[in-house]
Amino acid sequence: MLKRILLLIMAALILQGCNDMSKEEKEEIVKKSTESAVQYFKEQKGWDVVINEHEFTDRTDGTEIFLFGYEKGNKDNRIHAMVNFAEGKYEVSLIGFDED
């Protein structure tokens, strides 16, 4: 149920065109957002995670990035995180995972 709610929220946030960022800016955002999400999962869940996919929101003023991956040693435990990178803060604002 939590997965479905998370996916609905994520889908609702992906609405319009992506803002104009250079390739370098996007790479830096992915890097810093990934670091924040990895640290968050380590601190909150005690998990080492691997982030292997990302997707920027398509909203014109989008300042969120969605990260997808899995718990190290347990690829069946898929994880999801939304990181808000407004003002360079890189705050994890939403997580989800498949662990039973």
PDB file of N, CA and C in Angstrom:
ATOM      1  N   MET A   1       0.822  -1.191   0.000  1.00  0.00           N
ATOM      2  CA  MET A   1       0.000   0.000   0.000  1.00  0.00           C
ATOM      3  C   MET A   1       0.871   1.261   0.000  1.00  0.00           C
ATOM      4  N   LEU A   2       1.925   1.253   0.834  1.00  0.00           N
ATOM      5  CA  LEU A   2       2.832   2.403   0.897  1.00  0.00           C
ATOM      6  C   LEU A   2       3.493   2.640  -0.462  1.00  0.00           C
ATOM      7  N   LYS A   3       3.847   1.549  -1.154  1.00  0.00           N
ATOM      8  CA  LYS A   3       4.455   1.679  -2.475  1.00  0.00           C
ATOM      9  C   LYS A   3       3.501   2.379  -3.432  1.00  0.00           C
ATOM     10  N   ARG A   4       2.257   1.996  -3.391  1.00  0.00           N
ATOM     11  CA  ARG A   4       1.269   2.594  -4.306  1.00  0.00           C
ATOM     12  C   ARG A   4       1.090   4.074  -4.018  1.00  0.00           C
ATOM     13  N   ILE A   5       1.033   4.428  -2.744  1.00  0.00           N
ATOM     14  CA  ILE A   5       0.880   5.832  -2.377  1.00  0.00           C
ATOM     15  C   ILE A   5       2.088   6.629  -2.846  1.00  0.00           C
ATOM     16  N   LEU A   6       3.285   6.080  -2.610  1.00  0.00           N
ATOM     17  CA  LEU A   6       4.504   6.743  -3.043  1.00  0.00           C
ATOM     18  C   LEU A   6       4.522   6.942  -4.549  1.00  0.00           C
ATOM     19  N   LEU A   7       4.175   5.914  -5.285  1.00  0.00           N
ATOM     20  CA  LEU A   7       4.162   6.022  -6.743  1.00  0.00           C
ATOM     21  C   LEU A   7       3.132   7.031  -7.231  1.00  0.00           C
ATOM     22  N   LEU A   8       1.989   7.097  -6.583  1.00  0.00           N
ATOM     23  CA  LEU A   8       0.979   8.092  -6.963  1.00  0.00           C
ATOM     24  C   LEU A   8       1.475   9.506  -6.699  1.00  0.00           C
ATOM     25  N   ILE A   9       2.120   9.692  -5.572  1.00  0.00           N
ATOM     26  CA  ILE A   9       2.673  11.015  -5.256  1.00  0.00           C
ATOM     27  C   ILE A   9       3.733  11.391  -6.277  1.00  0.00           C
ATOM     28  N   MET A  10       4.596  10.443  -6.585  1.00  0.00           N
ATOM     29  CA  MET A  10       5.646  10.715  -7.560  1.00  0.00           C
ATOM     30  C   MET A  10       5.062  11.050  -8.920  1.00  0.00           C
ATOM     31  N   ALA A  11       4.068  10.305  -9.336  1.00  0.00           N
ATOM     32  CA  ALA A  11       3.440  10.554 -10.633  1.00  0.00           C
ATOM     33  C   ALA A  11       2.765  11.923 -10.667  1.00  0.00           C
ATOM     34  N   ALA A  12       2.161  12.314  -9.566  1.00  0.00           N
ATOM     35  CA  ALA A  12       1.495  13.614  -9.505  1.00  0.00           C
ATOM     36  C   ALA A  12       2.490  14.764  -9.615  1.00  0.00           C
ATOM     37  N   LEU A  13       3.703  14.548  -9.124  1.00  0.00           N
ATOM     38  CA  LEU A  13       4.713  15.601  -9.166  1.00  0.00           C
ATOM     39  C   LEU A  13       5.341  15.777 -10.541  1.00  0.00           C
ATOM     40  N   ILE A  14       5.270  14.746 -11.357  1.00  0.00           N
ATOM     41  CA  ILE A  14       5.874  14.808 -12.688  1.00  0.00           C
ATOM     42  C   ILE A  14       4.823  15.334 -13.658  1.00  0.00           C
ATOM     43  N   LEU A  15       4.868  16.639 -13.927  1.00  0.00           N
ATOM     44  CA  LEU A  15       3.792  17.232 -14.707  1.00  0.00           C
ATOM     45  C   LEU A  15       4.240  17.947 -15.981  1.00  0.00           C
ATOM     46  N   GLN A  16       5.193  18.872 -15.897  1.00  0.00           N
ATOM     47  CA  GLN A  16       5.496  19.729 -17.024  1.00  0.00           C
ATOM     48  C   GLN A  16       6.971  19.677 -17.379  1.00  0.00           C
ATOM     49  N   GLY A  17       7.403  20.553 -18.305  1.00  0.00           N
ATOM     50  CA  GLY A  17       8.769  20.554 -18.830  1.00  0.00           C
ATOM     51  C   GLY A  17       9.862  20.823 -17.814  1.00  0.00           C
ATOM     52  N   CYS A  18      11.001  20.174 -17.967  1.00  0.00           N
ATOM     53  CA  CYS A  18      12.151  20.303 -17.080  1.00  0.00           C
ATOM     54  C   CYS A  18      12.805  21.663 -17.280  1.00  0.00           C
ATOM     55  N   ASN A  19      13.309  22.257 -16.188  1.00  0.00           N
ATOM     56  CA  ASN A  19      13.966  23.554 -16.325  1.00  0.00           C
ATOM     57  C   ASN A  19      15.297  23.388 -17.032  1.00  0.00           C
ATOM     58  N   ASP A  20      15.824  24.497 -17.531  1.00  0.00           N
ATOM     59  CA  ASP A  20      17.033  24.470 -18.345  1.00  0.00           C
ATOM     60  C   ASP A  20      18.268  24.427 -17.460  1.00  0.00           C
ATOM     61  N   MET A  21      18.844  23.248 -17.334  1.00  0.00           N
ATOM     62  CA  MET A  21      20.074  23.076 -16.590  1.00  0.00           C
ATOM     63  C   MET A  21      21.105  22.483 -17.536  1.00  0.00           C
ATOM     64  N   SER A  22      22.346  22.851 -17.306  1.00  0.00           N
ATOM     65  CA  SER A  22      23.412  22.263 -18.103  1.00  0.00           C
ATOM     66  C   SER A  22      23.644  20.822 -17.664  1.00  0.00           C
ATOM     67  N   LYS A  23      24.342  20.087 -18.491  1.00  0.00           N
ATOM     68  CA  LYS A  23      24.668  18.699 -18.174  1.00  0.00           C
ATOM     69  C   LYS A  23      25.482  18.646 -16.879  1.00  0.00           C
ATOM     70  N   GLU A  24      26.403  19.575 -16.712  1.00  0.00           N
ATOM     71  CA  GLU A  24      27.246  19.617 -15.514  1.00  0.00           C
ATOM     72  C   GLU A  24      26.412  19.891 -14.258  1.00  0.00           C
ATOM     73  N   GLU A  25      25.454  20.815 -14.371  1.00  0.00           N
ATOM     74  CA  GLU A  25      24.579  21.111 -13.232  1.00  0.00           C
ATOM     75  C   GLU A  25      23.770  19.882 -12.840  1.00  0.00           C
ATOM     76  N   LYS A  26      23.233  19.203 -13.826  1.00  0.00           N
ATOM     77  CA  LYS A  26      22.453  17.993 -13.552  1.00  0.00           C
ATOM     78  C   LYS A  26      23.311  16.927 -12.894  1.00  0.00           C
ATOM     79  N   GLU A  27      24.526  16.735 -13.400  1.00  0.00           N
ATOM     80  CA  GLU A  27      25.429  15.735 -12.820  1.00  0.00           C
ATOM     81  C   GLU A  27      25.744  16.056 -11.354  1.00  0.00           C
ATOM     82  N   GLU A  28      25.953  17.335 -11.062  1.00  0.00           N
ATOM     83  CA  GLU A  28      26.245  17.749  -9.682  1.00  0.00           C
ATOM     84  C   GLU A  28      25.036  17.508  -8.772  1.00  0.00           C
ATOM     85  N   ILE A  29      23.855  17.797  -9.272  1.00  0.00           N
ATOM     86  CA  ILE A  29      22.626  17.559  -8.498  1.00  0.00           C
ATOM     87  C   ILE A  29      22.451  16.073  -8.226  1.00  0.00           C
ATOM     88  N   VAL A  30      22.666  15.240  -9.247  1.00  0.00           N
ATOM     89  CA  VAL A  30      22.547  13.786  -9.073  1.00  0.00           C
ATOM     90  C   VAL A  30      23.548  13.322  -8.015  1.00  0.00           C
ATOM     91  N   LYS A  31      24.781  13.788  -8.113  1.00  0.00           N
ATOM     92  CA  LYS A  31      25.827  13.379  -7.176  1.00  0.00           C
ATOM     93  C   LYS A  31      25.461  13.758  -5.738  1.00  0.00           C
ATOM     94  N   LYS A  32      25.116  15.014  -5.516  1.00  0.00           N
ATOM     95  CA  LYS A  32      24.815  15.480  -4.161  1.00  0.00           C
ATOM     96  C   LYS A  32      23.521  14.866  -3.625  1.00  0.00           C
ATOM     97  N   SER A  33      22.534  14.696  -4.494  1.00  0.00           N
ATOM     98  CA  SER A  33      21.276  14.079  -4.065  1.00  0.00           C
ATOM     99  C   SER A  33      21.491  12.622  -3.686  1.00  0.00           C
ATOM    100  N   THR A  34      22.306  11.936  -4.475  1.00  0.00           N
ATOM    101  CA  THR A  34      22.626  10.544  -4.175  1.00  0.00           C
ATOM    102  C   THR A  34      23.327  10.434  -2.827  1.00  0.00           C
ATOM    103  N   GLU A  35      24.294  11.308  -2.582  1.00  0.00           N
ATOM    104  CA  GLU A  35      25.001  11.314  -1.292  1.00  0.00           C
ATOM    105  C   GLU A  35      24.021  11.524  -0.139  1.00  0.00           C
ATOM    106  N   SER A  36      23.090  12.457  -0.307  1.00  0.00           N
ATOM    107  CA  SER A  36      22.099  12.731   0.743  1.00  0.00           C
ATOM    108  C   SER A  36      21.207  11.523   0.994  1.00  0.00           C
ATOM    109  N   ALA A  37      20.755  10.884  -0.084  1.00  0.00           N
ATOM    110  CA  ALA A  37      19.862   9.738   0.066  1.00  0.00           C
ATOM    111  C   ALA A  37      20.590   8.551   0.699  1.00  0.00           C
ATOM    112  N   VAL A  38      21.815   8.295   0.275  1.00  0.00           N
ATOM    113  CA  VAL A  38      22.593   7.192   0.852  1.00  0.00           C
ATOM    114  C   VAL A  38      22.793   7.426   2.346  1.00  0.00           C
ATOM    115  N   GLN A  39      23.138   8.650   2.715  1.00  0.00           N
ATOM    116  CA  GLN A  39      23.332   8.988   4.128  1.00  0.00           C
ATOM    117  C   GLN A  39      22.020   8.847   4.906  1.00  0.00           C
ATOM    118  N   TYR A  40      20.929   9.305   4.313  1.00  0.00           N
ATOM    119  CA  TYR A  40      19.625   9.227   4.971  1.00  0.00           C
ATOM    120  C   TYR A  40      19.246   7.776   5.272  1.00  0.00           C
ATOM    121  N   PHE A  41      19.371   6.904   4.279  1.00  0.00           N
ATOM    122  CA  PHE A  41      19.026   5.493   4.503  1.00  0.00           C
ATOM    123  C   PHE A  41      19.950   4.864   5.544  1.00  0.00           C
ATOM    124  N   LYS A  42      21.210   5.250   5.536  1.00  0.00           N
ATOM    125  CA  LYS A  42      22.158   4.714   6.517  1.00  0.00           C
ATOM    126  C   LYS A  42      21.753   5.143   7.932  1.00  0.00           C
ATOM    127  N   GLU A  43      21.423   6.419   8.097  1.00  0.00           N
ATOM    128  CA  GLU A  43      21.075   6.942   9.415  1.00  0.00           C
ATOM    129  C   GLU A  43      19.700   6.477   9.888  1.00  0.00           C
ATOM    130  N   GLN A  44      18.723   6.474   8.999  1.00  0.00           N
ATOM    131  CA  GLN A  44      17.341   6.185   9.400  1.00  0.00           C
ATOM    132  C   GLN A  44      16.994   4.695   9.417  1.00  0.00           C
ATOM    133  N   LYS A  45      17.574   3.933   8.506  1.00  0.00           N
ATOM    134  CA  LYS A  45      17.230   2.514   8.393  1.00  0.00           C
ATOM    135  C   LYS A  45      18.408   1.590   8.696  1.00  0.00           C
ATOM    136  N   GLY A  46      19.620   2.141   8.769  1.00  0.00           N
ATOM    137  CA  GLY A  46      20.799   1.320   8.987  1.00  0.00           C
ATOM    138  C   GLY A  46      21.203   0.524   7.760  1.00  0.00           C
ATOM    139  N   TRP A  47      20.771   0.962   6.577  1.00  0.00           N
ATOM    140  CA  TRP A  47      21.030   0.251   5.330  1.00  0.00           C
ATOM    141  C   TRP A  47      22.084   0.972   4.506  1.00  0.00           C
ATOM    142  N   ASP A  48      22.952   0.185   3.881  1.00  0.00           N
ATOM    143  CA  ASP A  48      23.795   0.696   2.806  1.00  0.00           C
ATOM    144  C   ASP A  48      22.983   0.485   1.539  1.00  0.00           C
ATOM    145  N   VAL A  49      22.837   1.533   0.747  1.00  0.00           N
ATOM    146  CA  VAL A  49      22.031   1.425  -0.462  1.00  0.00           C
ATOM    147  C   VAL A  49      22.847   1.791  -1.692  1.00  0.00           C
ATOM    148  N   VAL A  50      22.398   1.290  -2.822  1.00  0.00           N
ATOM    149  CA  VAL A  50      22.981   1.594  -4.121  1.00  0.00           C
ATOM    150  C   VAL A  50      21.916   2.338  -4.919  1.00  0.00           C
ATOM    151  N   ILE A  51      22.261   3.510  -5.395  1.00  0.00           N
ATOM    152  CA  ILE A  51      21.362   4.277  -6.257  1.00  0.00           C
ATOM    153  C   ILE A  51      21.805   4.018  -7.693  1.00  0.00           C
ATOM    154  N   ASN A  52      20.888   3.509  -8.522  1.00  0.00           N
ATOM    155  CA  ASN A  52      21.269   3.189  -9.886  1.00  0.00           C
ATOM    156  C   ASN A  52      20.395   3.856 -10.948  1.00  0.00           C
ATOM    157  N   GLU A  53      19.414   4.635 -10.522  1.00  0.00           N
ATOM    158  CA  GLU A  53      18.573   5.359 -11.473  1.00  0.00           C
ATOM    159  C   GLU A  53      18.167   6.691 -10.850  1.00  0.00           C
ATOM    160  N   HIS A  54      17.891   7.646 -11.703  1.00  0.00           N
ATOM    161  CA  HIS A  54      17.374   8.930 -11.227  1.00  0.00           C
ATOM    162  C   HIS A  54      16.452   9.527 -12.288  1.00  0.00           C
ATOM    163  N   GLU A  55      15.610  10.432 -11.828  1.00  0.00           N
ATOM    164  CA  GLU A  55      14.698  11.120 -12.745  1.00  0.00           C
ATOM    165  C   GLU A  55      14.371  12.483 -12.154  1.00  0.00           C
ATOM    166  N   PHE A  56      14.628  13.523 -12.922  1.00  0.00           N
ATOM    167  CA  PHE A  56      14.272  14.865 -12.487  1.00  0.00           C
ATOM    168  C   PHE A  56      12.779  15.062 -12.684  1.00  0.00           C
ATOM    169  N   THR A  57      12.167  15.856 -11.815  1.00  0.00           N
ATOM    170  CA  THR A  57      10.760  16.188 -12.041  1.00  0.00           C
ATOM    171  C   THR A  57      10.689  17.015 -13.311  1.00  0.00           C
ATOM    172  N   ASP A  58       9.570  16.927 -13.965  1.00  0.00           N
ATOM    173  CA  ASP A  58       9.387  17.648 -15.220  1.00  0.00           C
ATOM    174  C   ASP A  58       8.693  18.992 -15.039  1.00  0.00           C
ATOM    175  N   ARG A  59       8.459  19.366 -13.815  1.00  0.00           N
ATOM    176  CA  ARG A  59       7.805  20.653 -13.585  1.00  0.00           C
ATOM    177  C   ARG A  59       8.743  21.778 -13.981  1.00  0.00           C
ATOM    178  N   THR A  60       8.187  22.877 -14.472  1.00  0.00           N
ATOM    179  CA  THR A  60       8.981  24.011 -14.927  1.00  0.00           C
ATOM    180  C   THR A  60       9.918  24.507 -13.842  1.00  0.00           C
ATOM    181  N   ASP A  61       9.441  24.608 -12.621  1.00  0.00           N
ATOM    182  CA  ASP A  61      10.278  25.077 -11.515  1.00  0.00           C
ATOM    183  C   ASP A  61      10.718  23.910 -10.634  1.00  0.00           C
ATOM    184  N   GLY A  62      10.778  22.725 -11.203  1.00  0.00           N
ATOM    185  CA  GLY A  62      11.092  21.510 -10.450  1.00  0.00           C
ATOM    186  C   GLY A  62      12.403  21.602  -9.710  1.00  0.00           C
ATOM    187  N   THR A  63      12.350  21.294  -8.448  1.00  0.00           N
ATOM    188  CA  THR A  63      13.552  21.272  -7.622  1.00  0.00           C
ATOM    189  C   THR A  63      13.647  19.938  -6.888  1.00  0.00           C
ATOM    190  N   GLU A  64      13.016  18.910  -7.449  1.00  0.00           N
ATOM    191  CA  GLU A  64      13.086  17.581  -6.864  1.00  0.00           C
ATOM    192  C   GLU A  64      13.681  16.617  -7.874  1.00  0.00           C
ATOM    193  N   ILE A  65      14.321  15.611  -7.320  1.00  0.00           N
ATOM    194  CA  ILE A  65      14.844  14.526  -8.128  1.00  0.00           C
ATOM    195  C   ILE A  65      14.423  13.224  -7.457  1.00  0.00           C
ATOM    196  N   PHE A  66      14.011  12.260  -8.254  1.00  0.00           N
ATOM    197  CA  PHE A  66      13.653  10.945  -7.737  1.00  0.00           C
ATOM    198  C   PHE A  66      14.839  10.016  -7.940  1.00  0.00           C
ATOM    199  N   LEU A  67      15.181   9.276  -6.909  1.00  0.00           N
ATOM    200  CA  LEU A  67      16.286   8.329  -6.958  1.00  0.00           C
ATOM    201  C   LEU A  67      15.745   6.931  -6.710  1.00  0.00           C
ATOM    202  N   PHE A  68      16.275   5.977  -7.431  1.00  0.00           N
ATOM    203  CA  PHE A  68      15.835   4.595  -7.319  1.00  0.00           C
ATOM    204  C   PHE A  68      17.050   3.708  -7.161  1.00  0.00           C
ATOM    205  N   GLY A  69      16.914   2.661  -6.396  1.00  0.00           N
ATOM    206  CA  GLY A  69      18.023   1.740  -6.198  1.00  0.00           C
ATOM    207  C   GLY A  69      17.593   0.557  -5.373  1.00  0.00           C
ATOM    208  N   TYR A  70      18.523   0.048  -4.573  1.00  0.00           N
ATOM    209  CA  TYR A  70      18.249  -1.139  -3.766  1.00  0.00           C
ATOM    210  C   TYR A  70      19.197  -1.175  -2.572  1.00  0.00           C
ATOM    211  N   GLU A  71      18.835  -1.985  -1.606  1.00  0.00           N
ATOM    212  CA  GLU A  71      19.672  -2.197  -0.438  1.00  0.00           C
ATOM    213  C   GLU A  71      20.822  -3.122  -0.840  1.00  0.00           C
ATOM    214  N   LYS A  72      22.055  -2.735  -0.481  1.00  0.00           N
ATOM    215  CA  LYS A  72      23.207  -3.592  -0.796  1.00  0.00           C
ATOM    216  C   LYS A  72      22.993  -4.971  -0.195  1.00  0.00           C
ATOM    217  N   GLY A  73      23.252  -5.991  -0.988  1.00  0.00           N
ATOM    218  CA  GLY A  73      23.107  -7.366  -0.527  1.00  0.00           C
ATOM    219  C   GLY A  73      21.684  -7.887  -0.588  1.00  0.00           C
ATOM    220  N   ASN A  74      20.738  -7.041  -0.996  1.00  0.00           N
ATOM    221  CA  ASN A  74      19.335  -7.454  -1.069  1.00  0.00           C
ATOM    222  C   ASN A  74      18.667  -6.701  -2.222  1.00  0.00           C
ATOM    223  N   LYS A  75      18.951  -7.114  -3.440  1.00  0.00           N
ATOM    224  CA  LYS A  75      18.416  -6.413  -4.608  1.00  0.00           C
ATOM    225  C   LYS A  75      16.901  -6.468  -4.690  1.00  0.00           C
ATOM    226  N   ASP A  76      16.273  -7.379  -3.934  1.00  0.00           N
ATOM    227  CA  ASP A  76      14.816  -7.441  -3.913  1.00  0.00           C
ATOM    228  C   ASP A  76      14.216  -6.296  -3.115  1.00  0.00           C
ATOM    229  N   ASN A  77      15.000  -5.685  -2.233  1.00  0.00           N
ATOM    230  CA  ASN A  77      14.518  -4.554  -1.445  1.00  0.00           C
ATOM    231  C   ASN A  77      14.825  -3.268  -2.209  1.00  0.00           C
ATOM    232  N   ARG A  78      13.943  -2.975  -3.167  1.00  0.00           N
ATOM    233  CA  ARG A  78      14.076  -1.751  -3.963  1.00  0.00           C
ATOM    234  C   ARG A  78      13.767  -0.548  -3.090  1.00  0.00           C
ATOM    235  N   ILE A  79      14.531   0.511  -3.270  1.00  0.00           N
ATOM    236  CA  ILE A  79      14.305   1.735  -2.491  1.00  0.00           C
ATOM    237  C   ILE A  79      14.015   2.891  -3.449  1.00  0.00           C
ATOM    238  N   HIS A  80      13.331   3.895  -2.927  1.00  0.00           N
ATOM    239  CA  HIS A  80      12.967   5.085  -3.677  1.00  0.00           C
ATOM    240  C   HIS A  80      13.164   6.271  -2.749  1.00  0.00           C
ATOM    241  N   ALA A  81      13.629   7.365  -3.289  1.00  0.00           N
ATOM    242  CA  ALA A  81      13.772   8.579  -2.485  1.00  0.00           C
ATOM    243  C   ALA A  81      13.500   9.790  -3.367  1.00  0.00           C
ATOM    244  N   MET A  82      12.893  10.790  -2.774  1.00  0.00           N
ATOM    245  CA  MET A  82      12.735  12.070  -3.449  1.00  0.00           C
ATOM    246  C   MET A  82      13.568  13.075  -2.675  1.00  0.00           C
ATOM    247  N   VAL A  83      14.435  13.770  -3.392  1.00  0.00           N
ATOM    248  CA  VAL A  83      15.317  14.751  -2.766  1.00  0.00           C
ATOM    249  C   VAL A  83      14.975  16.120  -3.329  1.00  0.00           C
ATOM    250  N   ASN A  84      14.762  17.067  -2.433  1.00  0.00           N
ATOM    251  CA  ASN A  84      14.518  18.452  -2.815  1.00  0.00           C
ATOM    252  C   ASN A  84      15.863  19.166  -2.793  1.00  0.00           C
ATOM    253  N   PHE A  85      16.267  19.709  -3.939  1.00  0.00           N
ATOM    254  CA  PHE A  85      17.563  20.364  -4.017  1.00  0.00           C
ATOM    255  C   PHE A  85      17.455  21.886  -4.110  1.00  0.00           C
ATOM    256  N   ALA A  86      16.312  22.438  -3.709  1.00  0.00           N
ATOM    257  CA  ALA A  86      16.131  23.888  -3.712  1.00  0.00           C
ATOM    258  C   ALA A  86      17.152  24.532  -2.782  1.00  0.00           C
ATOM    259  N   GLU A  87      17.685  25.630  -3.215  1.00  0.00           N
ATOM    260  CA  GLU A  87      18.631  26.416  -2.417  1.00  0.00           C
ATOM    261  C   GLU A  87      19.851  25.615  -1.995  1.00  0.00           C
ATOM    262  N   GLY A  88      20.172  24.565  -2.738  1.00  0.00           N
ATOM    263  CA  GLY A  88      21.366  23.784  -2.456  1.00  0.00           C
ATOM    264  C   GLY A  88      21.345  23.006  -1.164  1.00  0.00           C
ATOM    265  N   LYS A  89      20.151  22.687  -0.647  1.00  0.00           N
ATOM    266  CA  LYS A  89      20.051  22.001   0.649  1.00  0.00           C
ATOM    267  C   LYS A  89      20.045  20.485   0.540  1.00  0.00           C
ATOM    268  N   TYR A  90      19.583  19.912  -0.536  1.00  0.00           N
ATOM    269  CA  TYR A  90      19.578  18.460  -0.780  1.00  0.00           C
ATOM    270  C   TYR A  90      18.949  17.687   0.382  1.00  0.00           C
ATOM    271  N   GLU A  91      17.682  17.978   0.626  1.00  0.00           N
ATOM    272  CA  GLU A  91      16.941  17.344   1.716  1.00  0.00           C
ATOM    273  C   GLU A  91      16.081  16.194   1.191  1.00  0.00           C
ATOM    274  N   VAL A  92      16.211  15.032   1.828  1.00  0.00           N
ATOM    275  CA  VAL A  92      15.364  13.888   1.492  1.00  0.00           C
ATOM    276  C   VAL A  92      13.977  14.179   2.050  1.00  0.00           C
ATOM    277  N   SER A  93      12.985  14.242   1.164  1.00  0.00           N
ATOM    278  CA  SER A  93      11.645  14.599   1.617  1.00  0.00           C
ATOM    279  C   SER A  93      10.677  13.433   1.586  1.00  0.00           C
ATOM    280  N   LEU A  94      11.060  12.321   0.951  1.00  0.00           N
ATOM    281  CA  LEU A  94      10.169  11.185   0.853  1.00  0.00           C
ATOM    282  C   LEU A  94      10.987   9.944   0.541  1.00  0.00           C
ATOM    283  N   ILE A  95      10.674   8.823   1.216  1.00  0.00           N
ATOM    284  CA  ILE A  95      11.335   7.557   0.892  1.00  0.00           C
ATOM    285  C   ILE A  95      10.297   6.456   0.787  1.00  0.00           C
ATOM    286  N   GLY A  96      10.683   5.376   0.166  1.00  0.00           N
ATOM    287  CA  GLY A  96       9.865   4.174   0.100  1.00  0.00           C
ATOM    288  C   GLY A  96      10.785   2.990  -0.112  1.00  0.00           C
ATOM    289  N   PHE A  97      10.301   1.814   0.235  1.00  0.00           N
ATOM    290  CA  PHE A  97      11.107   0.608   0.066  1.00  0.00           C
ATOM    291  C   PHE A  97      10.190  -0.587   0.036  1.00  0.00           C
ATOM    292  N   ASP A  98      10.715  -1.700  -0.489  1.00  0.00           N
ATOM    293  CA  ASP A  98       9.919  -2.911  -0.709  1.00  0.00           C
ATOM    294  C   ASP A  98      10.089  -3.953   0.376  1.00  0.00           C
ATOM    295  N   GLU A  99      10.883  -3.705   1.393  1.00  0.00           N
ATOM    296  CA  GLU A  99      11.134  -4.718   2.421  1.00  0.00           C
ATOM    297  C   GLU A  99       9.826  -5.212   3.035  1.00  0.00           C
ATOM    298  N   ASP A 100       9.718  -6.511   3.200  1.00  0.00           N
ATOM    299  CA  ASP A 100       8.516  -7.085   3.794  1.00  0.00           C
ATOM    300  C   ASP A 100       8.610  -7.091   5.304  1.00  0.00           C
TER     301      ASP A 100
END
